[in-house]
């Protein structure tokens, strides 16, 4: 309750969790334990080899964003879909999926595509609310498609395999893109006025020419993901290879100067520091829940009450939909996973599949009004063009598509588990 009150009055979630956890541990375990934990835990987190993957994937994403790869992905996707009605919707969806495979941040994706895609959509007469909603929703692909920062954080909170979780998100991520494409097609049939008539503006040669700008990105994705899947690269090593590859691409194309490199490094350091604060606070909260006996009591209650996994999952969906209206995804996960994960495991849920469901839920939370992070990212990046009321209307069809995807992921766990089981 104290944690929720602090969050409600706009105390940063990482600080709120740390304050509540330290106070609680002081009561249940004593101040000597608190002081020892405060001395050792931050160092243990910062020096843990598995955590190297976080800044490496952050740097990989920052470098690819700085080199203008996003624009090339969008150009290629637009040219190949130009003969279809609503081609810019499809192009945004496909390009966001491609960018999600090299950048694990949903907010960065939403900001970049607002700057790139929204002006084009307005120029051709697309519906502003639906255009903004499409950009906002497609930005969430980065949360599920590897390299996903959210998956890495879940793995670190639960001691699950980082590689298995990254691979587990691939098929559900591709499924989400496919459902978006189908959903956009249905939306265009029901509301044809949201997009102009189809125009074929590019020849086959133009389409092939556009692929020259993205082949290096495709190769980088293949090396990183293929290395993890084959076992040749550990996730941390793959992150370093990805960051190094992104740097080489930027230098080879002469799109990354000293200033751009410095800004990418600064962005990576700041984002990593924020995430580490939240992770450390989450681990403190985990220890509080363990020492207070809450986890054992909750697990025992679930067994004694005859709670079934379907009912439990339904409760989690409701919980995350409510929290997603007020709390950002990473903070929401760090606040809840420490006690939800043991309960889910006691009810027979596969922890890898459960992680995919949790990440999908925080993905939905990122576009849930009124305070979804991607909503504010699009509104801010549009510089006043997109109003909150219009964006809330425009994102609703995509929330329905997300609900369909979530139902499929929950109903068919094998979609999430097949690739990880091929690895191990």
Protein backbone atom coordinates (compact mmCIF):
# COMPACT_ATOMS: atom_id res chain seq x y z
CA UNK A 1 0.00 0.00 0.00
CA UNK A 2 2.83 2.40 0.90
CA UNK A 3 4.47 1.68 -2.46
CA UNK A 4 1.28 2.46 -4.39
CA UNK A 5 0.82 5.68 -2.41
CA UNK A 6 4.34 6.85 -3.26
CA UNK A 7 3.84 6.02 -6.94
CA UNK A 8 0.50 7.86 -6.87
CA UNK A 9 2.20 11.07 -5.70
CA UNK A 10 4.73 10.82 -8.56
CA UNK A 11 7.74 9.53 -6.65
CA UNK A 12 9.95 7.71 -9.22
CA UNK A 13 9.13 4.02 -9.04
CA UNK A 14 12.73 2.92 -8.45
CA UNK A 15 13.11 5.26 -5.50
CA UNK A 16 9.66 4.36 -4.15
CA UNK A 17 10.45 0.63 -4.24
CA UNK A 18 13.85 1.17 -2.62
CA UNK A 19 12.41 3.28 0.23
CA UNK A 20 9.58 0.83 0.96
CA UNK A 21 11.88 -2.20 0.72
CA UNK A 22 14.57 -0.74 2.99
CA UNK A 23 11.98 0.31 5.57
CA UNK A 24 10.29 -3.10 5.43
CA UNK A 25 13.55 -5.03 5.66
CA UNK A 26 14.56 -2.90 8.62
CA UNK A 27 11.40 -4.03 10.41
CA UNK A 28 11.46 -7.74 9.54
CA UNK A 29 15.23 -8.41 9.34
CA UNK A 30 16.87 -5.62 11.32
CA UNK A 31 19.06 -2.68 10.37
CA UNK A 32 22.36 -4.64 10.29
CA UNK A 33 20.92 -6.79 7.50
CA UNK A 34 19.66 -3.68 5.67
CA UNK A 35 23.08 -2.01 5.86
CA UNK A 36 24.85 -5.14 4.65
CA UNK A 37 22.39 -5.54 1.78
CA UNK A 38 22.71 -1.87 0.82
CA UNK A 39 26.49 -2.31 0.63
CA UNK A 40 26.59 -5.57 -1.31
CA UNK A 41 23.53 -5.67 -3.58
CA UNK A 42 24.32 -2.71 -5.89
CA UNK A 43 27.85 -4.02 -6.44
CA UNK A 44 26.58 -7.56 -6.99
CA UNK A 45 24.16 -6.32 -9.65
CA UNK A 46 26.66 -4.05 -11.39
CA UNK A 47 29.39 -6.72 -11.43
CA UNK A 48 27.15 -9.61 -12.50
CA UNK A 49 28.23 -10.80 -15.95
CA UNK A 50 24.67 -11.57 -17.01
CA UNK A 51 23.76 -7.88 -16.61
CA UNK A 52 26.25 -6.87 -19.32
CA UNK A 53 23.58 -7.69 -21.88
CA UNK A 54 21.50 -4.66 -20.76
CA UNK A 55 23.98 -1.86 -21.65
CA UNK A 56 25.12 -3.75 -24.76
CA UNK A 57 21.60 -4.00 -26.20
CA UNK A 58 20.99 -0.39 -25.15
CA UNK A 59 24.10 0.72 -27.03
CA UNK A 60 23.18 -1.36 -30.06
CA UNK A 61 19.78 0.34 -30.21
CA UNK A 62 21.20 3.83 -29.69
CA UNK A 63 23.81 3.37 -32.42
CA UNK A 64 21.33 2.02 -34.96
CA UNK A 65 18.99 4.93 -34.23
CA UNK A 66 21.85 7.42 -34.67
CA UNK A 67 22.88 6.00 -38.06
CA UNK A 68 19.50 6.56 -39.74
CA UNK A 69 18.76 2.89 -40.27
CA UNK A 70 15.16 3.51 -39.23
CA UNK A 71 14.52 5.65 -42.29
CA UNK A 72 15.95 3.01 -44.61
CA UNK A 73 13.77 0.30 -43.08
CA UNK A 74 10.72 2.50 -43.54
CA UNK A 75 11.62 3.37 -47.14
CA UNK A 76 12.06 -0.29 -48.07
CA UNK A 77 8.80 -1.32 -46.39
CA UNK A 78 6.91 1.55 -48.05
CA UNK A 79 8.18 0.75 -51.54
CA UNK A 80 7.29 -2.93 -51.25
CA UNK A 81 3.74 -2.18 -50.01
CA UNK A 82 3.08 0.86 -52.21
CA UNK A 83 0.54 -0.89 -54.44
CA UNK A 84 -1.81 -1.64 -51.54
CA UNK A 85 -4.47 0.57 -49.98
CA UNK A 86 -3.19 1.73 -46.61
CA UNK A 87 0.39 1.00 -47.64
CA UNK A 88 1.83 3.41 -45.08
CA UNK A 89 0.06 1.55 -42.27
CA UNK A 90 1.63 -1.69 -43.46
CA UNK A 91 5.01 -0.03 -43.97
CA UNK A 92 4.98 1.36 -40.43
CA UNK A 93 4.06 -2.04 -39.03
CA UNK A 94 6.77 -3.92 -40.94
CA UNK A 95 9.48 -1.31 -40.40
CA UNK A 96 8.69 -1.13 -36.67
CA UNK A 97 9.05 -4.90 -36.50
CA UNK A 98 12.43 -4.69 -38.20
CA UNK A 99 13.58 -1.89 -35.94
CA UNK A 100 12.36 -3.83 -32.91
CA UNK A 101 14.85 -6.54 -33.85
CA UNK A 102 17.76 -4.13 -33.35
CA UNK A 103 16.37 -1.88 -30.63
CA UNK A 104 14.74 -3.10 -27.42
CA UNK A 105 13.03 0.20 -26.51
CA UNK A 106 9.37 0.77 -27.36
CA UNK A 107 9.61 4.49 -26.60
CA UNK A 108 12.57 5.04 -28.95
CA UNK A 109 10.73 3.19 -31.72
CA UNK A 110 7.58 5.28 -31.24
CA UNK A 111 9.50 8.56 -31.25
CA UNK A 112 11.52 7.76 -34.37
CA UNK A 113 8.57 6.55 -36.42
CA UNK A 114 6.45 9.51 -35.34
CA UNK A 115 9.11 11.75 -36.90
CA UNK A 116 9.54 9.60 -40.01
CA UNK A 117 6.13 8.10 -40.80
CA UNK A 118 3.58 10.60 -39.48
CA UNK A 119 4.52 13.45 -41.89
CA UNK A 120 4.23 11.04 -44.83
CA UNK A 121 0.84 9.79 -43.64
CA UNK A 122 -0.40 13.36 -43.33
CA UNK A 123 0.95 14.28 -46.76
CA UNK A 124 -1.04 11.49 -48.40
CA UNK A 125 -4.26 12.18 -46.46
CA UNK A 126 -4.32 9.33 -43.94
CA UNK A 127 -6.51 9.59 -40.84
CA UNK A 128 -4.47 11.36 -38.15
CA UNK A 129 -5.86 9.40 -35.15
CA UNK A 130 -5.39 6.00 -36.82
CA UNK A 131 -1.95 6.98 -38.14
CA UNK A 132 -0.79 8.03 -34.69
CA UNK A 133 -2.39 4.93 -33.15
CA UNK A 134 -0.60 2.67 -35.64
CA UNK A 135 2.79 4.25 -34.89
CA UNK A 136 2.17 4.11 -31.15
CA UNK A 137 1.07 0.46 -31.18
CA UNK A 138 3.72 -0.77 -33.63
CA UNK A 139 6.38 0.72 -31.38
CA UNK A 140 5.57 -1.96 -28.81
CA UNK A 141 7.04 -4.68 -31.05
CA UNK A 142 10.43 -3.85 -29.53
CA UNK A 143 9.21 -5.18 -26.17
CA UNK A 144 8.69 -8.72 -27.46
CA UNK A 145 10.93 -9.22 -30.48
CA UNK A 146 14.54 -9.99 -29.46
CA UNK A 147 16.70 -8.26 -28.37
CA UNK A 148 14.05 -7.31 -25.81
CA UNK A 149 15.21 -5.36 -22.76
CA UNK A 150 11.99 -6.34 -20.97
CA UNK A 151 12.75 -10.04 -21.49
CA UNK A 152 16.26 -9.56 -20.13
CA UNK A 153 14.94 -7.82 -17.01
CA UNK A 154 12.40 -10.60 -16.44
CA UNK A 155 15.18 -13.16 -16.76
CA UNK A 156 17.35 -11.32 -14.25
CA UNK A 157 14.48 -10.97 -11.76
CA UNK A 158 13.57 -14.67 -11.94
CA UNK A 159 16.96 -16.33 -12.62
CA UNK A 160 15.62 -17.78 -15.86
CA UNK A 161 17.74 -18.21 -19.00
CA UNK A 162 18.20 -14.92 -20.87
CA UNK A 163 18.77 -16.74 -24.16
CA UNK A 164 15.66 -18.90 -23.78
CA UNK A 165 13.50 -15.88 -23.02
CA UNK A 166 14.84 -13.89 -25.96
CA UNK A 167 14.08 -16.76 -28.31
CA UNK A 168 10.67 -17.30 -26.70
CA UNK A 169 9.58 -13.83 -27.76
CA UNK A 170 10.40 -14.28 -31.45
CA UNK A 171 7.37 -16.28 -32.65
CA UNK A 172 4.85 -14.30 -30.52
CA UNK A 173 6.45 -11.11 -31.86
CA UNK A 174 6.04 -12.24 -35.46
CA UNK A 175 2.50 -13.36 -34.62
CA UNK A 176 1.75 -9.85 -33.34
CA UNK A 177 2.99 -8.31 -36.60
CA UNK A 178 0.85 -10.74 -38.60
CA UNK A 179 -2.27 -9.97 -36.59
CA UNK A 180 -1.64 -6.25 -37.02
CA UNK A 181 -1.46 -6.68 -40.80
CA UNK A 182 -4.71 -8.67 -40.81
CA UNK A 183 -6.32 -6.21 -38.40
CA UNK A 184 -5.33 -3.21 -40.52
CA UNK A 185 -6.80 -4.91 -43.58
CA UNK A 186 -10.10 -5.48 -41.75
CA UNK A 187 -10.06 -1.89 -40.49
CA UNK A 188 -9.59 -0.60 -44.04
CA UNK A 189 -12.58 -2.66 -45.20
CA UNK A 190 -14.77 -1.35 -42.39
CA UNK A 191 -13.51 2.24 -42.61
CA UNK A 192 -12.10 2.86 -46.11
CA UNK A 193 -11.98 6.62 -45.52
CA UNK A 194 -8.97 6.33 -43.18
CA UNK A 195 -6.56 5.88 -46.11
CA UNK A 196 -6.41 7.06 -49.74
CA UNK A 197 -6.81 4.77 -52.73
CA UNK A 198 -3.94 2.44 -53.57
CA UNK A 199 -1.16 3.87 -55.71
CA UNK A 200 1.70 1.97 -57.28
CA UNK A 201 4.46 4.59 -57.19
CA UNK A 202 7.55 2.41 -57.53
CA UNK A 203 8.86 -0.03 -60.11
CA UNK A 204 10.30 -3.42 -59.26
CA UNK A 205 13.75 -1.92 -59.75
CA UNK A 206 12.98 0.80 -57.20
CA UNK A 207 11.86 -1.84 -54.73
CA UNK A 208 15.03 -3.87 -55.18
CA UNK A 209 17.11 -0.71 -54.88
CA UNK A 210 15.58 -0.01 -51.46
CA UNK A 211 16.90 -3.31 -50.13
CA UNK A 212 20.49 -2.11 -50.49
CA UNK A 213 20.00 0.10 -47.48
CA UNK A 214 18.78 -2.67 -45.18
CA UNK A 215 20.94 -5.69 -46.02
CA UNK A 216 23.49 -4.77 -43.35
CA UNK A 217 20.74 -4.55 -40.73
CA UNK A 218 19.34 -7.93 -41.74
CA UNK A 219 22.84 -9.41 -41.51
CA UNK A 220 23.35 -7.87 -38.05
CA UNK A 221 20.04 -9.29 -36.82
CA UNK A 222 20.90 -12.71 -38.26
CA UNK A 223 24.30 -12.76 -36.56
CA UNK A 224 22.96 -11.72 -33.15
CA UNK A 225 19.85 -13.91 -33.12
CA UNK A 226 21.49 -16.79 -34.98
CA UNK A 227 24.41 -16.72 -32.56
CA UNK A 228 22.11 -16.95 -29.54
CA UNK A 229 19.92 -19.65 -31.09
CA UNK A 230 22.84 -21.82 -32.17
CA UNK A 231 24.60 -21.45 -28.83
CA UNK A 232 27.70 -19.97 -30.48
CA UNK A 233 27.14 -16.67 -28.65
CA UNK A 234 25.96 -16.09 -25.11
CA UNK A 235 23.37 -13.28 -24.85
CA UNK A 236 25.95 -10.91 -23.33
CA UNK A 237 28.42 -11.70 -26.10
CA UNK A 238 25.70 -11.33 -28.72
CA UNK A 239 24.87 -7.89 -27.32
CA UNK A 240 28.51 -6.83 -27.62
CA UNK A 241 28.68 -8.20 -31.18
CA UNK A 242 25.47 -6.33 -32.02
CA UNK A 243 26.77 -3.05 -30.60
CA UNK A 244 30.07 -3.48 -32.42
CA UNK A 245 28.27 -4.33 -35.65
CA UNK A 246 26.02 -1.27 -35.36
CA UNK A 247 29.11 0.89 -34.81
CA UNK A 248 30.83 -0.55 -37.89
CA UNK A 249 27.70 0.00 -40.02
CA UNK A 250 27.53 3.63 -38.92
CA UNK A 251 31.23 4.25 -39.59
CA UNK A 252 31.22 2.42 -42.93
CA UNK A 253 28.29 4.51 -44.17
CA UNK A 254 29.82 7.70 -42.77
CA UNK A 255 26.67 8.46 -40.82
CA UNK A 256 28.19 8.34 -37.36
CA UNK A 257 30.55 11.12 -36.34
CA UNK A 258 32.13 11.80 -32.97
CA UNK A 259 29.14 13.79 -31.75
CA UNK A 260 26.66 11.07 -32.73
CA UNK A 261 28.78 8.39 -31.06
CA UNK A 262 29.07 10.45 -27.87
CA UNK A 263 25.30 11.05 -27.77
CA UNK A 264 24.63 7.33 -28.29
CA UNK A 265 27.01 6.46 -25.46
CA UNK A 266 25.39 9.05 -23.18
CA UNK A 267 21.90 7.76 -23.95
CA UNK A 268 22.99 4.18 -23.25
CA UNK A 269 24.62 5.11 -19.94
CA UNK A 270 21.62 7.11 -18.72
CA UNK A 271 19.08 4.45 -19.68
CA UNK A 272 21.23 1.69 -18.17
CA UNK A 273 21.58 3.63 -14.91
CA UNK A 274 17.81 4.12 -14.69
CA UNK A 275 17.16 0.44 -15.38
CA UNK A 276 19.77 -0.68 -12.86
CA UNK A 277 18.17 1.51 -10.18
CA UNK A 278 14.81 -0.11 -10.88
CA UNK A 279 16.33 -3.62 -10.95
CA UNK A 280 18.21 -3.10 -7.67
CA UNK A 281 15.04 -1.75 -6.06
CA UNK A 282 13.12 -4.74 -7.43
CA UNK A 283 15.62 -7.18 -5.94
CA UNK A 284 15.31 -5.38 -2.60
CA UNK A 285 11.55 -5.80 -2.86
CA UNK A 286 12.03 -9.50 -3.63
CA UNK A 287 14.06 -9.93 -0.44
CA UNK A 288 11.42 -8.09 1.57
CA UNK A 289 8.69 -10.37 0.22
CA UNK A 290 10.83 -13.42 0.98
CA UNK A 291 11.88 -12.43 4.52
CA UNK A 292 8.39 -11.25 5.45
CA UNK A 293 6.98 -14.65 4.47
CA UNK A 294 4.66 -13.09 1.90
CA UNK A 295 5.76 -15.30 -0.99
CA UNK A 296 5.39 -18.50 1.03
CA UNK A 297 2.01 -17.40 2.37
CA UNK A 298 0.74 -16.40 -1.08
CA UNK A 299 1.91 -19.66 -2.64
CA UNK A 300 0.35 -21.67 0.18
CA UNK A 301 -2.91 -19.75 -0.08
CA UNK A 302 -3.07 -20.37 -3.83
CA UNK A 303 -2.73 -24.12 -3.23
CA UNK A 304 -5.17 -24.30 -0.33
CA UNK A 305 -7.78 -22.18 -2.08
CA UNK A 306 -7.73 -24.48 -5.11
CA UNK A 307 -6.69 -21.63 -7.39
CA UNK A 308 -6.31 -22.86 -10.96
CA UNK A 309 -3.86 -21.53 -13.52
CA UNK A 310 -6.57 -20.16 -15.89
CA UNK A 311 -8.19 -18.18 -13.05
CA UNK A 312 -4.78 -16.93 -11.91
CA UNK A 313 -3.88 -15.80 -15.44
CA UNK A 314 -7.19 -14.00 -15.77
CA UNK A 315 -6.44 -12.16 -12.54
CA UNK A 316 -2.99 -11.18 -13.80
CA UNK A 317 -4.45 -9.81 -17.03
CA UNK A 318 -6.88 -7.64 -15.05
CA UNK A 319 -4.12 -6.52 -12.65
CA UNK A 320 -1.78 -5.50 -15.44
CA UNK A 321 -4.48 -3.71 -17.41
CA UNK A 322 -5.23 -1.59 -14.34
CA UNK A 323 -1.57 -0.97 -13.44
CA UNK A 324 -0.76 -0.23 -17.08
CA UNK A 325 -2.96 2.84 -16.93
CA UNK A 326 -0.71 4.43 -14.30
CA UNK A 327 2.73 2.75 -14.20
CA UNK A 328 5.36 2.22 -16.92
CA UNK A 329 5.98 -1.34 -18.08
CA UNK A 330 9.42 -2.05 -16.60
CA UNK A 331 8.45 -0.67 -13.20
CA UNK A 332 5.21 -2.63 -13.29
CA UNK A 333 7.11 -5.83 -14.00
CA UNK A 334 9.72 -5.22 -11.30
CA UNK A 335 6.97 -4.48 -8.76
CA UNK A 336 4.93 -7.60 -9.47
CA UNK A 337 7.10 -10.38 -10.89
CA UNK A 338 8.92 -11.15 -7.60
CA UNK A 339 5.71 -12.52 -6.08
CA UNK A 340 3.74 -13.51 -9.20
CA UNK A 341 6.49 -15.75 -10.60
CA UNK A 342 6.61 -18.17 -7.60
CA UNK A 343 2.81 -18.43 -7.52
CA UNK A 344 2.64 -19.12 -11.25
CA UNK A 345 5.34 -21.78 -10.94
CA UNK A 346 3.49 -23.44 -8.06
CA UNK A 347 0.39 -23.65 -10.26
CA UNK A 348 2.32 -25.40 -13.03
CA UNK A 349 2.98 -22.48 -15.39
CA UNK A 350 6.11 -22.72 -17.50
CA UNK A 351 8.29 -19.78 -16.35
CA UNK A 352 9.44 -18.99 -19.90
CA UNK A 353 5.88 -18.87 -21.24
CA UNK A 354 4.83 -16.85 -18.20
CA UNK A 355 7.56 -14.33 -19.02
CA UNK A 356 6.25 -13.93 -22.56
CA UNK A 357 2.74 -13.29 -21.22
CA UNK A 358 4.05 -10.71 -18.73
CA UNK A 359 6.01 -8.88 -21.43
CA UNK A 360 3.00 -8.92 -23.75
CA UNK A 361 0.93 -7.39 -20.93
CA UNK A 362 3.42 -4.58 -20.33
CA UNK A 363 3.46 -4.07 -24.09
CA UNK A 364 -0.30 -3.53 -23.95
CA UNK A 365 0.17 -1.26 -20.94
CA UNK A 366 2.47 0.96 -22.99
CA UNK A 367 -0.46 1.93 -25.26
CA UNK A 368 -3.23 1.92 -22.66
CA UNK A 369 -4.73 5.36 -21.90
CA UNK A 370 -4.33 7.56 -20.02
CA UNK A 371 -0.60 7.28 -19.22
CA UNK A 372 0.85 4.59 -21.51
CA UNK A 373 4.49 5.48 -22.19
CA UNK A 374 4.18 5.14 -25.96
CA UNK A 375 1.17 7.45 -25.99
CA UNK A 376 3.20 10.26 -24.46
CA UNK A 377 6.16 9.46 -26.72
CA UNK A 378 4.02 9.95 -29.85
CA UNK A 379 2.30 13.06 -28.51
CA UNK A 380 5.64 14.64 -27.59
CA UNK A 381 7.41 13.70 -30.83
CA UNK A 382 4.54 15.07 -32.96
CA UNK A 383 5.17 18.57 -31.50
CA UNK A 384 1.51 19.34 -30.90
CA UNK A 385 0.11 17.77 -34.07
CA UNK A 386 -1.39 14.78 -32.25
CA UNK A 387 -3.79 15.50 -29.39
CA UNK A 388 -4.28 13.01 -26.58
CA UNK A 389 -8.00 12.58 -27.27
CA UNK A 390 -7.36 11.77 -30.94
CA UNK A 391 -4.59 9.33 -30.09
CA UNK A 392 -6.73 7.56 -27.49
CA UNK A 393 -9.37 6.98 -30.20
CA UNK A 394 -6.81 5.93 -32.78
CA UNK A 395 -5.11 3.34 -30.60
CA UNK A 396 -8.33 1.48 -29.68
CA UNK A 397 -8.40 -0.78 -32.79
CA UNK A 398 -4.83 -1.81 -32.05
CA UNK A 399 -5.68 -2.61 -28.44
CA UNK A 400 -8.25 -5.06 -29.83
CA UNK A 401 -5.54 -6.62 -32.02
CA UNK A 402 -3.29 -6.89 -28.96
CA UNK A 403 -6.09 -8.59 -27.01
CA UNK A 404 -6.47 -11.19 -29.78
CA UNK A 405 -2.72 -11.83 -29.78
CA UNK A 406 -2.64 -12.14 -25.99
CA UNK A 407 -5.46 -14.68 -26.05
CA UNK A 408 -3.57 -16.80 -28.60
CA UNK A 409 -0.31 -16.64 -26.61
CA UNK A 410 -2.08 -17.66 -23.41
CA UNK A 411 -4.13 -20.36 -25.13
CA UNK A 412 -1.21 -21.92 -27.05
CA UNK A 413 1.94 -21.89 -24.89
CA UNK A 414 3.83 -23.90 -27.52
CA UNK A 415 4.09 -20.76 -29.65
CA UNK A 416 6.40 -19.36 -26.99
CA UNK A 417 8.14 -22.57 -25.98
CA UNK A 418 8.98 -24.27 -29.27
CA UNK A 419 12.12 -22.25 -30.10
CA UNK A 420 13.63 -22.35 -26.57
CA UNK A 421 13.10 -26.11 -26.44
CA UNK A 422 14.98 -26.49 -29.72
CA UNK A 423 17.91 -24.66 -28.12
CA UNK A 424 18.22 -26.69 -24.91
